[in-house]
Amino acid sequence: MLEIVEDDSLTTEQKIAELREIESEARGLQRAASEGPMDDDDGWQEDLRQVRLALDKLGAKEPKKGAASL
């Protein structure tokens, strides 16, 4: 994530878009892990925290939350 934040070839909007994609993938993997008989510490919580910190550093706003979908 640090590589994305420090990449001077990307605009802030591009960096935010890439980080949001990583965040989305990590959330999906976290959901999948929570549905199986896995350890409570799936490892994704720290990754999500790092993505959120990077997004905050770039000034990204929290996305609006909509209704949950199945």
PDB file of N, CA and C in Angstrom:
ATOM      1  N   MET A   1       0.812  -1.177   0.000  1.00  0.00           N
ATOM      2  CA  MET A   1       0.000   0.000   0.000  1.00  0.00           C
ATOM      3  C   MET A   1       0.865   1.253   0.000  1.00  0.00           C
ATOM      4  N   LEU A   2       1.979   1.172   0.692  1.00  0.00           N
ATOM      5  CA  LEU A   2       2.894   2.307   0.723  1.00  0.00           C
ATOM      6  C   LEU A   2       3.407   2.616  -0.674  1.00  0.00           C
ATOM      7  N   GLU A   3       3.620   1.564  -1.470  1.00  0.00           N
ATOM      8  CA  GLU A   3       4.099   1.769  -2.840  1.00  0.00           C
ATOM      9  C   GLU A   3       3.095   2.594  -3.643  1.00  0.00           C
ATOM     10  N   ILE A   4       1.820   2.337  -3.432  1.00  0.00           N
ATOM     11  CA  ILE A   4       0.781   3.080  -4.154  1.00  0.00           C
ATOM     12  C   ILE A   4       0.779   4.532  -3.706  1.00  0.00           C
ATOM     13  N   VAL A   5       0.795   4.752  -2.401  1.00  0.00           N
ATOM     14  CA  VAL A   5       0.749   6.114  -1.856  1.00  0.00           C
ATOM     15  C   VAL A   5       1.939   6.935  -2.338  1.00  0.00           C
ATOM     16  N   GLU A   6       3.104   6.315  -2.440  1.00  0.00           N
ATOM     17  CA  GLU A   6       4.320   7.043  -2.808  1.00  0.00           C
ATOM     18  C   GLU A   6       4.607   7.045  -4.306  1.00  0.00           C
ATOM     19  N   ASP A   7       3.747   6.438  -5.109  1.00  0.00           N
ATOM     20  CA  ASP A   7       3.950   6.367  -6.559  1.00  0.00           C
ATOM     21  C   ASP A   7       3.621   7.716  -7.197  1.00  0.00           C
ATOM     22  N   ASP A   8       4.664   8.438  -7.616  1.00  0.00           N
ATOM     23  CA  ASP A   8       4.480   9.768  -8.201  1.00  0.00           C
ATOM     24  C   ASP A   8       3.880   9.731  -9.600  1.00  0.00           C
ATOM     25  N   SER A   9       3.820   8.556 -10.213  1.00  0.00           N
ATOM     26  CA  SER A   9       3.245   8.467 -11.556  1.00  0.00           C
ATOM     27  C   SER A   9       1.721   8.379 -11.523  1.00  0.00           C
ATOM     28  N   LEU A  10       1.155   8.193 -10.329  1.00  0.00           N
ATOM     29  CA  LEU A  10      -0.299   8.097 -10.187  1.00  0.00           C
ATOM     30  C   LEU A  10      -0.864   9.387  -9.610  1.00  0.00           C
ATOM     31  N   THR A  11      -2.052   9.754 -10.071  1.00  0.00           N
ATOM     32  CA  THR A  11      -2.744  10.895  -9.471  1.00  0.00           C
ATOM     33  C   THR A  11      -3.346  10.441  -8.143  1.00  0.00           C
ATOM     34  N   THR A  12      -3.745  11.390  -7.330  1.00  0.00           N
ATOM     35  CA  THR A  12      -4.388  11.050  -6.063  1.00  0.00           C
ATOM     36  C   THR A  12      -5.627  10.206  -6.307  1.00  0.00           C
ATOM     37  N   GLU A  13      -6.401  10.562  -7.326  1.00  0.00           N
ATOM     38  CA  GLU A  13      -7.618   9.809  -7.640  1.00  0.00           C
ATOM     39  C   GLU A  13      -7.289   8.369  -8.029  1.00  0.00           C
ATOM     40  N   GLN A  14      -6.218   8.172  -8.791  1.00  0.00           N
ATOM     41  CA  GLN A  14      -5.811   6.819  -9.182  1.00  0.00           C
ATOM     42  C   GLN A  14      -5.355   6.015  -7.964  1.00  0.00           C
ATOM     43  N   LYS A  15      -4.618   6.668  -7.077  1.00  0.00           N
ATOM     44  CA  LYS A  15      -4.168   6.000  -5.862  1.00  0.00           C
ATOM     45  C   LYS A  15      -5.361   5.561  -5.022  1.00  0.00           C
ATOM     46  N   ILE A  16      -6.325   6.463  -4.862  1.00  0.00           N
ATOM     47  CA  ILE A  16      -7.524   6.149  -4.085  1.00  0.00           C
ATOM     48  C   ILE A  16      -8.279   4.990  -4.725  1.00  0.00           C
ATOM     49  N   ALA A  17      -8.408   5.011  -6.046  1.00  0.00           N
ATOM     50  CA  ALA A  17      -9.119   3.936  -6.747  1.00  0.00           C
ATOM     51  C   ALA A  17      -8.424   2.592  -6.530  1.00  0.00           C
ATOM     52  N   GLU A  18      -7.109   2.571  -6.616  1.00  0.00           N
ATOM     53  CA  GLU A  18      -6.369   1.317  -6.411  1.00  0.00           C
ATOM     54  C   GLU A  18      -6.512   0.821  -4.973  1.00  0.00           C
ATOM     55  N   LEU A  19      -6.434   1.743  -4.022  1.00  0.00           N
ATOM     56  CA  LEU A  19      -6.579   1.354  -2.621  1.00  0.00           C
ATOM     57  C   LEU A  19      -7.990   0.856  -2.327  1.00  0.00           C
ATOM     58  N   ARG A  20      -8.982   1.477  -2.930  1.00  0.00           N
ATOM     59  CA  ARG A  20     -10.368   1.023  -2.739  1.00  0.00           C
ATOM     60  C   ARG A  20     -10.559  -0.386  -3.303  1.00  0.00           C
ATOM     61  N   GLU A  21      -9.893  -0.684  -4.409  1.00  0.00           N
ATOM     62  CA  GLU A  21      -9.968  -2.031  -4.989  1.00  0.00           C
ATOM     63  C   GLU A  21      -9.346  -3.049  -4.028  1.00  0.00           C
ATOM     64  N   ILE A  22      -8.203  -2.707  -3.458  1.00  0.00           N
ATOM     65  CA  ILE A  22      -7.559  -3.585  -2.481  1.00  0.00           C
ATOM     66  C   ILE A  22      -8.470  -3.767  -1.269  1.00  0.00           C
ATOM     67  N   GLU A  23      -9.073  -2.666  -0.823  1.00  0.00           N
ATOM     68  CA  GLU A  23      -9.976  -2.721   0.326  1.00  0.00           C
ATOM     69  C   GLU A  23     -11.160  -3.644   0.039  1.00  0.00           C
ATOM     70  N   SER A  24     -11.724  -3.515  -1.137  1.00  0.00           N
ATOM     71  CA  SER A  24     -12.866  -4.344  -1.520  1.00  0.00           C
ATOM     72  C   SER A  24     -12.488  -5.826  -1.558  1.00  0.00           C
ATOM     73  N   GLU A  25     -11.342  -6.132  -2.144  1.00  0.00           N
ATOM     74  CA  GLU A  25     -10.877  -7.521  -2.208  1.00  0.00           C
ATOM     75  C   GLU A  25     -10.623  -8.078  -0.808  1.00  0.00           C
ATOM     76  N   ALA A  26     -10.002  -7.280   0.049  1.00  0.00           N
ATOM     77  CA  ALA A  26      -9.706  -7.735   1.409  1.00  0.00           C
ATOM     78  C   ALA A  26     -10.991  -7.977   2.189  1.00  0.00           C
ATOM     79  N   ARG A  27     -11.977  -7.111   2.012  1.00  0.00           N
ATOM     80  CA  ARG A  27     -13.263  -7.311   2.698  1.00  0.00           C
ATOM     81  C   ARG A  27     -13.941  -8.595   2.208  1.00  0.00           C
ATOM     82  N   GLY A  28     -13.875  -8.851   0.916  1.00  0.00           N
ATOM     83  CA  GLY A  28     -14.458 -10.075   0.376  1.00  0.00           C
ATOM     84  C   GLY A  28     -13.782 -11.312   0.932  1.00  0.00           C
ATOM     85  N   LEU A  29     -12.464 -11.276   1.010  1.00  0.00           N
ATOM     86  CA  LEU A  29     -11.719 -12.408   1.566  1.00  0.00           C
ATOM     87  C   LEU A  29     -12.007 -12.576   3.053  1.00  0.00           C
ATOM     88  N   GLN A  30     -12.171 -11.457   3.741  1.00  0.00           N
ATOM     89  CA  GLN A  30     -12.491 -11.503   5.162  1.00  0.00           C
ATOM     90  C   GLN A  30     -13.871 -12.134   5.373  1.00  0.00           C
ATOM     91  N   ARG A  31     -14.837 -11.745   4.532  1.00  0.00           N
ATOM     92  CA  ARG A  31     -16.177 -12.336   4.621  1.00  0.00           C
ATOM     93  C   ARG A  31     -16.119 -13.837   4.362  1.00  0.00           C
ATOM     94  N   ALA A  32     -15.389 -14.231   3.332  1.00  0.00           N
ATOM     95  CA  ALA A  32     -15.278 -15.650   3.001  1.00  0.00           C
ATOM     96  C   ALA A  32     -14.638 -16.425   4.153  1.00  0.00           C
ATOM     97  N   ALA A  33     -13.622 -15.852   4.756  1.00  0.00           N
ATOM     98  CA  ALA A  33     -12.946 -16.519   5.867  1.00  0.00           C
ATOM     99  C   ALA A  33     -13.866 -16.659   7.070  1.00  0.00           C
ATOM    100  N   SER A  34     -14.730 -15.678   7.279  1.00  0.00           N
ATOM    101  CA  SER A  34     -15.620 -15.722   8.438  1.00  0.00           C
ATOM    102  C   SER A  34     -16.717 -16.768   8.274  1.00  0.00           C
ATOM    103  N   GLU A  35     -16.944 -17.222   7.054  1.00  0.00           N
ATOM    104  CA  GLU A  35     -17.992 -18.210   6.801  1.00  0.00           C
ATOM    105  C   GLU A  35     -17.497 -19.642   6.952  1.00  0.00           C
ATOM    106  N   GLY A  36     -16.212 -19.804   7.089  1.00  0.00           N
ATOM    107  CA  GLY A  36     -15.653 -21.147   7.221  1.00  0.00           C
ATOM    108  C   GLY A  36     -15.113 -21.379   8.618  1.00  0.00           C
ATOM    109  N   PRO A  37     -14.705 -22.606   8.888  1.00  0.00           N
ATOM    110  CA  PRO A  37     -14.155 -22.933  10.214  1.00  0.00           C
ATOM    111  C   PRO A  37     -12.694 -22.506  10.328  1.00  0.00           C
ATOM    112  N   MET A  38     -12.476 -21.203  10.313  1.00  0.00           N
ATOM    113  CA  MET A  38     -11.105 -20.687  10.362  1.00  0.00           C
ATOM    114  C   MET A  38     -10.871 -19.960  11.677  1.00  0.00           C
ATOM    115  N   ASP A  39      -9.644 -19.654  11.920  1.00  0.00           N
ATOM    116  CA  ASP A  39      -9.235 -18.893  13.087  1.00  0.00           C
ATOM    117  C   ASP A  39      -9.901 -17.523  13.069  1.00  0.00           C
ATOM    118  N   ASP A  40     -10.266 -17.022  14.258  1.00  0.00           N
ATOM    119  CA  ASP A  40     -10.896 -15.704  14.352  1.00  0.00           C
ATOM    120  C   ASP A  40     -10.010 -14.612  13.785  1.00  0.00           C
ATOM    121  N   ASP A  41      -8.703 -14.740  13.945  1.00  0.00           N
ATOM    122  CA  ASP A  41      -7.778 -13.751  13.401  1.00  0.00           C
ATOM    123  C   ASP A  41      -7.416 -14.176  11.987  1.00  0.00           C
ATOM    124  N   ASP A  42      -8.217 -13.718  11.022  1.00  0.00           N
ATOM    125  CA  ASP A  42      -8.014 -14.131   9.635  1.00  0.00           C
ATOM    126  C   ASP A  42      -6.885 -13.374   8.945  1.00  0.00           C
ATOM    127  N   GLY A  43      -6.306 -12.376   9.621  1.00  0.00           N
ATOM    128  CA  GLY A  43      -5.201 -11.622   9.050  1.00  0.00           C
ATOM    129  C   GLY A  43      -5.617 -10.441   8.199  1.00  0.00           C
ATOM    130  N   TRP A  44      -6.876 -10.372   7.845  1.00  0.00           N
ATOM    131  CA  TRP A  44      -7.324  -9.294   6.954  1.00  0.00           C
ATOM    132  C   TRP A  44      -7.611  -8.004   7.704  1.00  0.00           C
ATOM    133  N   GLN A  45      -7.861  -8.080   9.007  1.00  0.00           N
ATOM    134  CA  GLN A  45      -8.181  -6.872   9.769  1.00  0.00           C
ATOM    135  C   GLN A  45      -7.028  -5.871   9.708  1.00  0.00           C
ATOM    136  N   GLU A  46      -5.811  -6.344   9.870  1.00  0.00           N
ATOM    137  CA  GLU A  46      -4.645  -5.450   9.815  1.00  0.00           C
ATOM    138  C   GLU A  46      -4.465  -4.876   8.420  1.00  0.00           C
ATOM    139  N   ASP A  47      -4.676  -5.690   7.388  1.00  0.00           N
ATOM    140  CA  ASP A  47      -4.583  -5.185   6.014  1.00  0.00           C
ATOM    141  C   ASP A  47      -5.614  -4.095   5.767  1.00  0.00           C
ATOM    142  N   LEU A  48      -6.832  -4.322   6.230  1.00  0.00           N
ATOM    143  CA  LEU A  48      -7.883  -3.313   6.055  1.00  0.00           C
ATOM    144  C   LEU A  48      -7.533  -2.029   6.806  1.00  0.00           C
ATOM    145  N   ARG A  49      -6.945  -2.174   7.980  1.00  0.00           N
ATOM    146  CA  ARG A  49      -6.542  -0.991   8.751  1.00  0.00           C
ATOM    147  C   ARG A  49      -5.477  -0.199   8.000  1.00  0.00           C
ATOM    148  N   GLN A  50      -4.516  -0.894   7.402  1.00  0.00           N
ATOM    149  CA  GLN A  50      -3.458  -0.224   6.645  1.00  0.00           C
ATOM    150  C   GLN A  50      -4.019   0.487   5.412  1.00  0.00           C
ATOM    151  N   VAL A  51      -4.965  -0.157   4.736  1.00  0.00           N
ATOM    152  CA  VAL A  51      -5.602   0.480   3.574  1.00  0.00           C
ATOM    153  C   VAL A  51      -6.341   1.732   4.020  1.00  0.00           C
ATOM    154  N   ARG A  52      -7.083   1.642   5.123  1.00  0.00           N
ATOM    155  CA  ARG A  52      -7.844   2.791   5.626  1.00  0.00           C
ATOM    156  C   ARG A  52      -6.901   3.936   5.991  1.00  0.00           C
ATOM    157  N   LEU A  53      -5.773   3.630   6.613  1.00  0.00           N
ATOM    158  CA  LEU A  53      -4.795   4.664   6.958  1.00  0.00           C
ATOM    159  C   LEU A  53      -4.241   5.330   5.701  1.00  0.00           C
ATOM    160  N   ALA A  54      -3.951   4.528   4.677  1.00  0.00           N
ATOM    161  CA  ALA A  54      -3.442   5.082   3.417  1.00  0.00           C
ATOM    162  C   ALA A  54      -4.492   5.965   2.760  1.00  0.00           C
ATOM    163  N   LEU A  55      -5.752   5.524   2.763  1.00  0.00           N
ATOM    164  CA  LEU A  55      -6.830   6.336   2.187  1.00  0.00           C
ATOM    165  C   LEU A  55      -6.989   7.644   2.959  1.00  0.00           C
ATOM    166  N   ASP A  56      -6.905   7.566   4.281  1.00  0.00           N
ATOM    167  CA  ASP A  56      -6.996   8.780   5.098  1.00  0.00           C
ATOM    168  C   ASP A  56      -5.856   9.739   4.775  1.00  0.00           C
ATOM    169  N   LYS A  57      -4.664   9.189   4.586  1.00  0.00           N
ATOM    170  CA  LYS A  57      -3.491  10.010   4.258  1.00  0.00           C
ATOM    171  C   LYS A  57      -3.698  10.763   2.944  1.00  0.00           C
ATOM    172  N   LEU A  58      -4.412  10.123   2.012  1.00  0.00           N
ATOM    173  CA  LEU A  58      -4.693  10.745   0.714  1.00  0.00           C
ATOM    174  C   LEU A  58      -5.917  11.658   0.756  1.00  0.00           C
ATOM    175  N   GLY A  59      -6.582  11.714   1.905  1.00  0.00           N
ATOM    176  CA  GLY A  59      -7.749  12.580   2.035  1.00  0.00           C
ATOM    177  C   GLY A  59      -9.026  11.985   1.467  1.00  0.00           C
ATOM    178  N   ALA A  60      -9.059  10.669   1.293  1.00  0.00           N
ATOM    179  CA  ALA A  60     -10.253  10.011   0.746  1.00  0.00           C
ATOM    180  C   ALA A  60     -11.352   9.990   1.797  1.00  0.00           C
ATOM    181  N   LYS A  61     -12.555  10.227   1.352  1.00  0.00           N
ATOM    182  CA  LYS A  61     -13.710  10.172   2.242  1.00  0.00           C
ATOM    183  C   LYS A  61     -14.171   8.729   2.364  1.00  0.00           C
ATOM    184  N   GLU A  62     -14.785   8.415   3.496  1.00  0.00           N
ATOM    185  CA  GLU A  62     -15.392   7.093   3.693  1.00  0.00           C
ATOM    186  C   GLU A  62     -16.502   6.935   2.670  1.00  0.00           C
ATOM    187  N   PRO A  63     -16.550   5.808   1.966  1.00  0.00           N
ATOM    188  CA  PRO A  63     -17.639   5.621   0.993  1.00  0.00           C
ATOM    189  C   PRO A  63     -18.979   5.531   1.706  1.00  0.00           C
ATOM    190  N   LYS A  64     -20.023   5.999   1.031  1.00  0.00           N
ATOM    191  CA  LYS A  64     -21.358   5.906   1.606  1.00  0.00           C
ATOM    192  C   LYS A  64     -21.737   4.444   1.688  1.00  0.00           C
ATOM    193  N   LYS A  65     -22.374   4.095   2.779  1.00  0.00           N
ATOM    194  CA  LYS A  65     -22.776   2.708   2.966  1.00  0.00           C
ATOM    195  C   LYS A  65     -24.214   2.552   2.524  1.00  0.00           C
ATOM    196  N   GLY A  66     -24.425   1.578   1.680  1.00  0.00           N
ATOM    197  CA  GLY A  66     -25.767   1.281   1.208  1.00  0.00           C
ATOM    198  C   GLY A  66     -26.312   0.065   1.912  1.00  0.00           C
ATOM    199  N   ALA A  67     -27.424  -0.399   1.429  1.00  0.00           N
ATOM    200  CA  ALA A  67     -28.023  -1.600   1.993  1.00  0.00           C
ATOM    201  C   ALA A  67     -27.127  -2.796   1.716  1.00  0.00           C
ATOM    202  N   ALA A  68     -27.100  -3.693   2.649  1.00  0.00           N
ATOM    203  CA  ALA A  68     -26.311  -4.912   2.466  1.00  0.00           C
ATOM    204  C   ALA A  68     -26.965  -5.770   1.397  1.00  0.00           C
ATOM    205  N   SER A  69     -26.140  -6.409   0.613  1.00  0.00           N
ATOM    206  CA  SER A  69     -26.670  -7.294  -0.421  1.00  0.00           C
ATOM    207  C   SER A  69     -26.132  -8.691  -0.206  1.00  0.00           C
ATOM    208  N   LEU A  70     -26.817  -9.649  -0.722  1.00  0.00           N
ATOM    209  CA  LEU A  70     -26.388 -11.042  -0.576  1.00  0.00           C
ATOM    210  C   LEU A  70     -25.674 -11.507  -1.790  1.00  0.00           C
TER     211      LEU A  70
END
